[in-house]
Amino acid sequence: TGVRPNPWGPDHLETVLSCLHTILDEEWSHLR
């Protein structure tokens, strides 16, 4: 539930869960 700044828009905060979803989705897509 922690938040981090979005690397492309540091004024916009993202949850750690959202960041992990992005990483895992990207990994899955690259594998496909």
Full PDB file with SEQRES, HELIX, SHEET, SSBOND, CRYST1, ORIGX, SCALE, CONECT and MASTER records, all heavy atoms in Angstrom:
SEQRES   1 A   32  THR GLY VAL ARG PRO ASN PRO TRP GLY PRO ASP HIS LEU          
SEQRES   2 A   32  GLU THR VAL LEU SER CYS LEU HIS THR ILE LEU ASP GLU          
SEQRES   3 A   32  GLU TRP SER HIS LEU ARG                                      
HELIX    1 AA1 VAL A   16  LEU A   31  1                                  16    
SHEET    1 AA1 2 VAL A   3  ASN A   6  0                                        
SHEET    2 AA1 2 GLY A   9  THR A  15 -1                                        
CRYST1    1.000    1.000    1.000  90.00  90.00  90.00 P 1           1          
ORIGX1      1.000000  0.000000  0.000000        0.00000                         
ORIGX2      0.000000  1.000000  0.000000        0.00000                         
ORIGX3      0.000000  0.000000  1.000000        0.00000                         
SCALE1      1.000000  0.000000  0.000000        0.00000                         
SCALE2      0.000000  1.000000  0.000000        0.00000                         
SCALE3      0.000000  0.000000  1.000000        0.00000                         
ATOM      1  N   THR A   1       0.821  -1.219   0.000  1.00  0.00           N  
ATOM      2  CA  THR A   1       0.000   0.000   0.000  1.00  0.00           C  
ATOM      3  C   THR A   1       0.852   1.264   0.000  1.00  0.00           C  
ATOM      4  O   THR A   1       0.316   2.365  -0.155  1.00  0.00           O  
ATOM      5  CB  THR A   1      -0.954   0.036   1.210  1.00  0.00           C  
ATOM      6  OG1 THR A   1      -0.187   0.047   2.409  1.00  0.00           O  
ATOM      7  CG2 THR A   1      -1.906  -1.151   1.203  1.00  0.00           C  
ATOM      8  N   GLY A   2       2.169   1.115   0.153  1.00  0.00           N  
ATOM      9  CA  GLY A   2       3.057   2.271   0.102  1.00  0.00           C  
ATOM     10  C   GLY A   2       2.995   2.942  -1.261  1.00  0.00           C  
ATOM     11  O   GLY A   2       2.575   2.336  -2.249  1.00  0.00           O  
ATOM     12  N   VAL A   3       3.392   4.189  -1.342  1.00  0.00           N  
ATOM     13  CA  VAL A   3       3.346   4.918  -2.609  1.00  0.00           C  
ATOM     14  C   VAL A   3       4.746   5.352  -3.030  1.00  0.00           C  
ATOM     15  O   VAL A   3       5.626   5.568  -2.190  1.00  0.00           O  
ATOM     16  CB  VAL A   3       2.413   6.143  -2.535  1.00  0.00           C  
ATOM     17  CG1 VAL A   3       0.966   5.712  -2.352  1.00  0.00           C  
ATOM     18  CG2 VAL A   3       2.813   7.086  -1.419  1.00  0.00           C  
ATOM     19  N   ARG A   4       4.911   5.440  -4.316  1.00  0.00           N  
ATOM     20  CA  ARG A   4       6.160   5.885  -4.928  1.00  0.00           C  
ATOM     21  C   ARG A   4       5.808   6.829  -6.066  1.00  0.00           C  
ATOM     22  O   ARG A   4       4.748   6.705  -6.675  1.00  0.00           O  
ATOM     23  CB  ARG A   4       6.949   4.702  -5.512  1.00  0.00           C  
ATOM     24  CG  ARG A   4       7.279   3.601  -4.521  1.00  0.00           C  
ATOM     25  CD  ARG A   4       8.336   4.058  -3.515  1.00  0.00           C  
ATOM     26  NE  ARG A   4       8.749   3.006  -2.633  1.00  0.00           N  
ATOM     27  CZ  ARG A   4       8.165   2.711  -1.472  1.00  0.00           C  
ATOM     28  NH1 ARG A   4       7.116   3.382  -1.071  1.00  0.00           N  
ATOM     29  NH2 ARG A   4       8.627   1.745  -0.708  1.00  0.00           N  
ATOM     30  N   PRO A   5       6.715   7.765  -6.399  1.00  0.00           N  
ATOM     31  CA  PRO A   5       6.439   8.641  -7.535  1.00  0.00           C  
ATOM     32  C   PRO A   5       6.516   7.859  -8.846  1.00  0.00           C  
ATOM     33  O   PRO A   5       7.356   6.977  -8.999  1.00  0.00           O  
ATOM     34  CB  PRO A   5       7.539   9.699  -7.464  1.00  0.00           C  
ATOM     35  CG  PRO A   5       8.620   9.084  -6.649  1.00  0.00           C  
ATOM     36  CD  PRO A   5       7.962   8.087  -5.726  1.00  0.00           C  
ATOM     37  N   ASN A   6       5.629   8.172  -9.744  1.00  0.00           N  
ATOM     38  CA  ASN A   6       5.666   7.583 -11.072  1.00  0.00           C  
ATOM     39  C   ASN A   6       6.913   8.116 -11.785  1.00  0.00           C  
ATOM     40  O   ASN A   6       7.120   9.325 -11.839  1.00  0.00           O  
ATOM     41  CB  ASN A   6       4.404   7.984 -11.841  1.00  0.00           C  
ATOM     42  CG  ASN A   6       4.331   7.376 -13.207  1.00  0.00           C  
ATOM     43  OD1 ASN A   6       5.274   7.457 -13.977  1.00  0.00           O  
ATOM     44  ND2 ASN A   6       3.197   6.790 -13.517  1.00  0.00           N  
ATOM     45  N   PRO A   7       7.768   7.241 -12.345  1.00  0.00           N  
ATOM     46  CA  PRO A   7       9.010   7.726 -12.957  1.00  0.00           C  
ATOM     47  C   PRO A   7       8.780   8.653 -14.148  1.00  0.00           C  
ATOM     48  O   PRO A   7       9.621   9.473 -14.464  1.00  0.00           O  
ATOM     49  CB  PRO A   7       9.744   6.456 -13.382  1.00  0.00           C  
ATOM     50  CG  PRO A   7       8.764   5.363 -13.288  1.00  0.00           C  
ATOM     51  CD  PRO A   7       7.657   5.793 -12.380  1.00  0.00           C  
ATOM     52  N   TRP A   8       7.641   8.541 -14.811  1.00  0.00           N  
ATOM     53  CA  TRP A   8       7.361   9.391 -15.970  1.00  0.00           C  
ATOM     54  C   TRP A   8       6.583  10.631 -15.581  1.00  0.00           C  
ATOM     55  O   TRP A   8       6.436  11.553 -16.389  1.00  0.00           O  
ATOM     56  CB  TRP A   8       6.622   8.609 -17.042  1.00  0.00           C  
ATOM     57  CG  TRP A   8       7.371   7.377 -17.423  1.00  0.00           C  
ATOM     58  CD1 TRP A   8       6.992   6.090 -17.186  1.00  0.00           C  
ATOM     59  CD2 TRP A   8       8.652   7.302 -18.042  1.00  0.00           C  
ATOM     60  NE1 TRP A   8       7.952   5.224 -17.633  1.00  0.00           N  
ATOM     61  CE2 TRP A   8       8.983   5.951 -18.161  1.00  0.00           C  
ATOM     62  CE3 TRP A   8       9.556   8.254 -18.500  1.00  0.00           C  
ATOM     63  CZ2 TRP A   8      10.170   5.515 -18.731  1.00  0.00           C  
ATOM     64  CZ3 TRP A   8      10.747   7.818 -19.071  1.00  0.00           C  
ATOM     65  CH2 TRP A   8      11.040   6.468 -19.181  1.00  0.00           C  
ATOM     66  N   GLY A   9       6.045  10.649 -14.377  1.00  0.00           N  
ATOM     67  CA  GLY A   9       5.303  11.802 -13.873  1.00  0.00           C  
ATOM     68  C   GLY A   9       5.426  11.840 -12.373  1.00  0.00           C  
ATOM     69  O   GLY A   9       4.516  11.414 -11.664  1.00  0.00           O  
ATOM     70  N   PRO A  10       6.570  12.328 -11.855  1.00  0.00           N  
ATOM     71  CA  PRO A  10       6.850  12.264 -10.418  1.00  0.00           C  
ATOM     72  C   PRO A  10       5.797  12.920  -9.527  1.00  0.00           C  
ATOM     73  O   PRO A  10       5.727  12.616  -8.343  1.00  0.00           O  
ATOM     74  CB  PRO A  10       8.197  12.968 -10.282  1.00  0.00           C  
ATOM     75  CG  PRO A  10       8.821  12.878 -11.625  1.00  0.00           C  
ATOM     76  CD  PRO A  10       7.688  12.889 -12.610  1.00  0.00           C  
ATOM     77  N   ASP A  11       4.967  13.790 -10.084  1.00  0.00           N  
ATOM     78  CA  ASP A  11       3.898  14.392  -9.283  1.00  0.00           C  
ATOM     79  C   ASP A  11       2.752  13.417  -9.038  1.00  0.00           C  
ATOM     80  O   ASP A  11       1.899  13.665  -8.196  1.00  0.00           O  
ATOM     81  CB  ASP A  11       3.358  15.650  -9.961  1.00  0.00           C  
ATOM     82  CG  ASP A  11       4.394  16.768  -9.999  1.00  0.00           C  
ATOM     83  OD1 ASP A  11       5.336  16.727  -9.167  1.00  0.00           O  
ATOM     84  OD2 ASP A  11       4.262  17.668 -10.844  1.00  0.00           O  
ATOM     85  N   HIS A  12       2.726  12.322  -9.789  1.00  0.00           N  
ATOM     86  CA  HIS A  12       1.680  11.314  -9.650  1.00  0.00           C  
ATOM     87  C   HIS A  12       2.231  10.125  -8.872  1.00  0.00           C  
ATOM     88  O   HIS A  12       3.237   9.539  -9.250  1.00  0.00           O  
ATOM     89  CB  HIS A  12       1.182  10.855 -11.026  1.00  0.00           C  
ATOM     90  CG  HIS A  12       0.647  11.965 -11.848  1.00  0.00           C  
ATOM     91  ND1 HIS A  12      -0.586  12.536 -11.612  1.00  0.00           N  
ATOM     92  CD2 HIS A  12       1.183  12.638 -12.885  1.00  0.00           C  
ATOM     93  CE1 HIS A  12      -0.783  13.503 -12.479  1.00  0.00           C  
ATOM     94  NE2 HIS A  12       0.283  13.591 -13.273  1.00  0.00           N  
ATOM     95  N   LEU A  13       1.578   9.790  -7.798  1.00  0.00           N  
ATOM     96  CA  LEU A  13       2.029   8.681  -6.955  1.00  0.00           C  
ATOM     97  C   LEU A  13       1.355   7.384  -7.376  1.00  0.00           C  
ATOM     98  O   LEU A  13       0.191   7.378  -7.777  1.00  0.00           O  
ATOM     99  CB  LEU A  13       1.741   8.985  -5.492  1.00  0.00           C  
ATOM    100  CG  LEU A  13       2.435  10.229  -4.922  1.00  0.00           C  
ATOM    101  CD1 LEU A  13       2.043  10.439  -3.476  1.00  0.00           C  
ATOM    102  CD2 LEU A  13       3.944  10.100  -5.053  1.00  0.00           C  
ATOM    103  N   GLU A  14       2.100   6.301  -7.284  1.00  0.00           N  
ATOM    104  CA  GLU A  14       1.607   4.957  -7.588  1.00  0.00           C  
ATOM    105  C   GLU A  14       1.824   4.085  -6.364  1.00  0.00           C  
ATOM    106  O   GLU A  14       2.814   4.244  -5.658  1.00  0.00           O  
ATOM    107  CB  GLU A  14       2.376   4.344  -8.760  1.00  0.00           C  
ATOM    108  CG  GLU A  14       2.395   5.158 -10.030  1.00  0.00           C  
ATOM    109  CD  GLU A  14       1.084   5.119 -10.785  1.00  0.00           C  
ATOM    110  OE1 GLU A  14       0.243   4.246 -10.479  1.00  0.00           O  
ATOM    111  OE2 GLU A  14       0.898   5.965 -11.670  1.00  0.00           O  
ATOM    112  N   THR A  15       0.926   3.144  -6.129  1.00  0.00           N  
ATOM    113  CA  THR A  15       1.156   2.211  -5.031  1.00  0.00           C  
ATOM    114  C   THR A  15       2.226   1.203  -5.451  1.00  0.00           C  
ATOM    115  O   THR A  15       2.441   0.958  -6.649  1.00  0.00           O  
ATOM    116  CB  THR A  15      -0.122   1.443  -4.640  1.00  0.00           C  
ATOM    117  OG1 THR A  15      -0.514   0.610  -5.742  1.00  0.00           O  
ATOM    118  CG2 THR A  15      -1.241   2.384  -4.235  1.00  0.00           C  
ATOM    119  N   VAL A  16       2.869   0.621  -4.469  1.00  0.00           N  
ATOM    120  CA  VAL A  16       3.857  -0.421  -4.746  1.00  0.00           C  
ATOM    121  C   VAL A  16       3.172  -1.576  -5.468  1.00  0.00           C  
ATOM    122  O   VAL A  16       3.731  -2.149  -6.411  1.00  0.00           O  
ATOM    123  CB  VAL A  16       4.541  -0.886  -3.440  1.00  0.00           C  
ATOM    124  CG1 VAL A  16       5.416  -2.108  -3.679  1.00  0.00           C  
ATOM    125  CG2 VAL A  16       5.344   0.260  -2.839  1.00  0.00           C  
ATOM    126  N   LEU A  17       1.943  -1.892  -5.086  1.00  0.00           N  
ATOM    127  CA  LEU A  17       1.193  -2.959  -5.752  1.00  0.00           C  
ATOM    128  C   LEU A  17       1.007  -2.636  -7.232  1.00  0.00           C  
ATOM    129  O   LEU A  17       1.198  -3.499  -8.097  1.00  0.00           O  
ATOM    130  CB  LEU A  17      -0.164  -3.164  -5.078  1.00  0.00           C  
ATOM    131  CG  LEU A  17      -1.043  -4.258  -5.685  1.00  0.00           C  
ATOM    132  CD1 LEU A  17      -0.359  -5.615  -5.620  1.00  0.00           C  
ATOM    133  CD2 LEU A  17      -2.386  -4.287  -4.974  1.00  0.00           C  
ATOM    134  N   SER A  18       0.663  -1.403  -7.539  1.00  0.00           N  
ATOM    135  CA  SER A  18       0.503  -0.993  -8.935  1.00  0.00           C  
ATOM    136  C   SER A  18       1.822  -1.133  -9.693  1.00  0.00           C  
ATOM    137  O   SER A  18       1.844  -1.584 -10.845  1.00  0.00           O  
ATOM    138  CB  SER A  18      -0.001   0.447  -9.008  1.00  0.00           C  
ATOM    139  OG  SER A  18      -0.034   0.903 -10.334  1.00  0.00           O  
ATOM    140  N   CYS A  19       2.920  -0.765  -9.065  1.00  0.00           N  
ATOM    141  CA  CYS A  19       4.244  -0.900  -9.694  1.00  0.00           C  
ATOM    142  C   CYS A  19       4.561  -2.363  -9.975  1.00  0.00           C  
ATOM    143  O   CYS A  19       5.052  -2.709 -11.058  1.00  0.00           O  
ATOM    144  CB  CYS A  19       5.319  -0.290  -8.808  1.00  0.00           C  
ATOM    145  SG  CYS A  19       5.151   1.490  -8.564  1.00  0.00           S  
ATOM    146  N   LEU A  20       4.277  -3.227  -9.010  1.00  0.00           N  
ATOM    147  CA  LEU A  20       4.523  -4.658  -9.207  1.00  0.00           C  
ATOM    148  C   LEU A  20       3.642  -5.220 -10.317  1.00  0.00           C  
ATOM    149  O   LEU A  20       4.095  -6.037 -11.114  1.00  0.00           O  
ATOM    150  CB  LEU A  20       4.304  -5.432  -7.909  1.00  0.00           C  
ATOM    151  CG  LEU A  20       5.403  -5.280  -6.870  1.00  0.00           C  
ATOM    152  CD1 LEU A  20       4.992  -5.931  -5.552  1.00  0.00           C  
ATOM    153  CD2 LEU A  20       6.710  -5.854  -7.367  1.00  0.00           C  
ATOM    154  N   HIS A  21       2.390  -4.773 -10.379  1.00  0.00           N  
ATOM    155  CA  HIS A  21       1.508  -5.210 -11.468  1.00  0.00           C  
ATOM    156  C   HIS A  21       2.105  -4.831 -12.817  1.00  0.00           C  
ATOM    157  O   HIS A  21       2.081  -5.634 -13.763  1.00  0.00           O  
ATOM    158  CB  HIS A  21       0.120  -4.596 -11.327  1.00  0.00           C  
ATOM    159  CG  HIS A  21      -0.740  -5.288 -10.335  1.00  0.00           C  
ATOM    160  ND1 HIS A  21      -1.958  -4.790  -9.932  1.00  0.00           N  
ATOM    161  CD2 HIS A  21      -0.586  -6.445  -9.646  1.00  0.00           C  
ATOM    162  CE1 HIS A  21      -2.502  -5.593  -9.056  1.00  0.00           C  
ATOM    163  NE2 HIS A  21      -1.689  -6.609  -8.854  1.00  0.00           N  
ATOM    164  N   THR A  22       2.644  -3.632 -12.921  1.00  0.00           N  
ATOM    165  CA  THR A  22       3.251  -3.184 -14.175  1.00  0.00           C  
ATOM    166  C   THR A  22       4.444  -4.062 -14.547  1.00  0.00           C  
ATOM    167  O   THR A  22       4.567  -4.514 -15.690  1.00  0.00           O  
ATOM    168  CB  THR A  22       3.685  -1.711 -14.071  1.00  0.00           C  
ATOM    169  OG1 THR A  22       2.530  -0.901 -13.820  1.00  0.00           O  
ATOM    170  CG2 THR A  22       4.375  -1.244 -15.342  1.00  0.00           C  
ATOM    171  N   ILE A  23       5.312  -4.315 -13.583  1.00  0.00           N  
ATOM    172  CA  ILE A  23       6.496  -5.140 -13.843  1.00  0.00           C  
ATOM    173  C   ILE A  23       6.094  -6.546 -14.286  1.00  0.00           C  
ATOM    174  O   ILE A  23       6.608  -7.074 -15.283  1.00  0.00           O  
ATOM    175  CB  ILE A  23       7.393  -5.219 -12.581  1.00  0.00           C  
ATOM    176  CG1 ILE A  23       8.018  -3.853 -12.307  1.00  0.00           C  
ATOM    177  CG2 ILE A  23       8.456  -6.303 -12.721  1.00  0.00           C  
ATOM    178  CD1 ILE A  23       8.669  -3.747 -10.942  1.00  0.00           C  
ATOM    179  N   LEU A  24       5.161  -7.155 -13.569  1.00  0.00           N  
ATOM    180  CA  LEU A  24       4.756  -8.524 -13.893  1.00  0.00           C  
ATOM    181  C   LEU A  24       4.009  -8.594 -15.213  1.00  0.00           C  
ATOM    182  O   LEU A  24       4.173  -9.543 -15.995  1.00  0.00           O  
ATOM    183  CB  LEU A  24       3.936  -9.115 -12.750  1.00  0.00           C  
ATOM    184  CG  LEU A  24       4.712  -9.271 -11.436  1.00  0.00           C  
ATOM    185  CD1 LEU A  24       3.791  -9.731 -10.318  1.00  0.00           C  
ATOM    186  CD2 LEU A  24       5.902 -10.201 -11.593  1.00  0.00           C  
ATOM    187  N   ASP A  25       3.184  -7.589 -15.506  1.00  0.00           N  
ATOM    188  CA  ASP A  25       2.467  -7.543 -16.779  1.00  0.00           C  
ATOM    189  C   ASP A  25       3.457  -7.394 -17.935  1.00  0.00           C  
ATOM    190  O   ASP A  25       3.320  -8.059 -18.967  1.00  0.00           O  
ATOM    191  CB  ASP A  25       1.463  -6.394 -16.783  1.00  0.00           C  
ATOM    192  CG  ASP A  25       0.646  -6.364 -18.059  1.00  0.00           C  
ATOM    193  OD1 ASP A  25       0.023  -7.402 -18.385  1.00  0.00           O  
ATOM    194  OD2 ASP A  25       0.642  -5.315 -18.743  1.00  0.00           O  
ATOM    195  N   GLU A  26       4.455  -6.533 -17.769  1.00  0.00           N  
ATOM    196  CA  GLU A  26       5.475  -6.361 -18.807  1.00  0.00           C  
ATOM    197  C   GLU A  26       6.241  -7.666 -19.033  1.00  0.00           C  
ATOM    198  O   GLU A  26       6.498  -8.057 -20.177  1.00  0.00           O  
ATOM    199  CB  GLU A  26       6.455  -5.253 -18.413  1.00  0.00           C  
ATOM    200  CG  GLU A  26       5.878  -3.870 -18.507  1.00  0.00           C  
ATOM    201  CD  GLU A  26       5.702  -3.397 -19.934  1.00  0.00           C  
ATOM    202  OE1 GLU A  26       6.578  -3.684 -20.777  1.00  0.00           O  
ATOM    203  OE2 GLU A  26       4.681  -2.747 -20.219  1.00  0.00           O  
ATOM    204  N   GLU A  27       6.604  -8.328 -17.961  1.00  0.00           N  
ATOM    205  CA  GLU A  27       7.345  -9.587 -18.072  1.00  0.00           C  
ATOM    206  C   GLU A  27       6.508 -10.633 -18.808  1.00  0.00           C  
ATOM    207  O   GLU A  27       6.998 -11.339 -19.695  1.00  0.00           O  
ATOM    208  CB  GLU A  27       7.732 -10.085 -16.677  1.00  0.00           C  
ATOM    209  CG  GLU A  27       8.631 -11.278 -16.671  1.00  0.00           C  
ATOM    210  CD  GLU A  27      10.036 -11.008 -17.186  1.00  0.00           C  
ATOM    211  OE1 GLU A  27      10.454  -9.844 -17.272  1.00  0.00           O  
ATOM    212  OE2 GLU A  27      10.726 -11.992 -17.525  1.00  0.00           O  
ATOM    213  N   TRP A  28       5.236 -10.727 -18.453  1.00  0.00           N  
ATOM    214  CA  TRP A  28       4.332 -11.681 -19.102  1.00  0.00           C  
ATOM    215  C   TRP A  28       4.201 -11.366 -20.584  1.00  0.00           C  
ATOM    216  O   TRP A  28       4.258 -12.255 -21.444  1.00  0.00           O  
ATOM    217  CB  TRP A  28       2.971 -11.649 -18.414  1.00  0.00           C  
ATOM    218  CG  TRP A  28       1.985 -12.596 -19.004  1.00  0.00           C  
ATOM    219  CD1 TRP A  28       0.942 -12.291 -19.828  1.00  0.00           C  
ATOM    220  CD2 TRP A  28       1.937 -14.022 -18.830  1.00  0.00           C  
ATOM    221  NE1 TRP A  28       0.262 -13.428 -20.181  1.00  0.00           N  
ATOM    222  CE2 TRP A  28       0.856 -14.499 -19.575  1.00  0.00           C  
ATOM    223  CE3 TRP A  28       2.728 -14.917 -18.115  1.00  0.00           C  
ATOM    224  CZ2 TRP A  28       0.530 -15.846 -19.640  1.00  0.00           C  
ATOM    225  CZ3 TRP A  28       2.390 -16.263 -18.176  1.00  0.00           C  
ATOM    226  CH2 TRP A  28       1.306 -16.703 -18.923  1.00  0.00           C  
ATOM    227  N   SER A  29       4.037 -10.091 -20.916  1.00  0.00           N  
ATOM    228  CA  SER A  29       3.890  -9.687 -22.316  1.00  0.00           C  
ATOM    229  C   SER A  29       5.153  -9.996 -23.111  1.00  0.00           C  
ATOM    230  O   SER A  29       5.074 -10.496 -24.242  1.00  0.00           O  
ATOM    231  CB  SER A  29       3.568  -8.192 -22.421  1.00  0.00           C  
ATOM    232  OG  SER A  29       2.303  -7.929 -21.863  1.00  0.00           O  
ATOM    233  N   HIS A  30       6.309  -9.713 -22.543  1.00  0.00           N  
ATOM    234  CA  HIS A  30       7.559 -10.012 -23.246  1.00  0.00           C  
ATOM    235  C   HIS A  30       7.703 -11.514 -23.485  1.00  0.00           C  
ATOM    236  O   HIS A  30       8.147 -11.932 -24.564  1.00  0.00           O  
ATOM    237  CB  HIS A  30       8.768  -9.486 -22.467  1.00  0.00           C  
ATOM    238  CG  HIS A  30       8.933  -8.009 -22.571  1.00  0.00           C  
ATOM    239  ND1 HIS A  30       9.383  -7.391 -23.709  1.00  0.00           N  
ATOM    240  CD2 HIS A  30       8.695  -7.019 -21.692  1.00  0.00           C  
ATOM    241  CE1 HIS A  30       9.419  -6.082 -23.526  1.00  0.00           C  
ATOM    242  NE2 HIS A  30       9.005  -5.832 -22.306  1.00  0.00           N  
ATOM    243  N   LEU A  31       7.323 -12.322 -22.518  1.00  0.00           N  
ATOM    244  CA  LEU A  31       7.382 -13.772 -22.688  1.00  0.00           C  
ATOM    245  C   LEU A  31       6.456 -14.211 -23.819  1.00  0.00           C  
ATOM    246  O   LEU A  31       6.841 -15.005 -24.683  1.00  0.00           O  
ATOM    247  CB  LEU A  31       7.017 -14.480 -21.383  1.00  0.00           C  
ATOM    248  CG  LEU A  31       6.923 -16.007 -21.470  1.00  0.00           C  
ATOM    249  CD1 LEU A  31       8.272 -16.615 -21.821  1.00  0.00           C  
ATOM    250  CD2 LEU A  31       6.389 -16.575 -20.171  1.00  0.00           C  
ATOM    251  N   ARG A  32       5.229 -13.701 -23.818  1.00  0.00           N  
ATOM    252  CA  ARG A  32       4.269 -14.058 -24.873  1.00  0.00           C  
ATOM    253  C   ARG A  32       4.810 -13.712 -26.256  1.00  0.00           C  
ATOM    254  O   ARG A  32       4.735 -14.517 -27.187  1.00  0.00           O  
ATOM    255  CB  ARG A  32       2.934 -13.341 -24.660  1.00  0.00           C  
ATOM    256  CG  ARG A  32       2.111 -13.899 -23.518  1.00  0.00           C  
ATOM    257  CD  ARG A  32       0.776 -13.172 -23.324  1.00  0.00           C  
ATOM    258  NE  ARG A  32       0.097 -12.935 -24.570  1.00  0.00           N  
ATOM    259  CZ  ARG A  32      -0.345 -11.723 -24.969  1.00  0.00           C  
ATOM    260  NH1 ARG A  32      -0.182 -10.666 -24.224  1.00  0.00           N  
ATOM    261  NH2 ARG A  32      -0.970 -11.586 -26.116  1.00  0.00           N  
TER     262      ARG A  32                                                      
MASTER        0    0    0    1    2    0    0    6  261    1    0    3          
END                                                                             
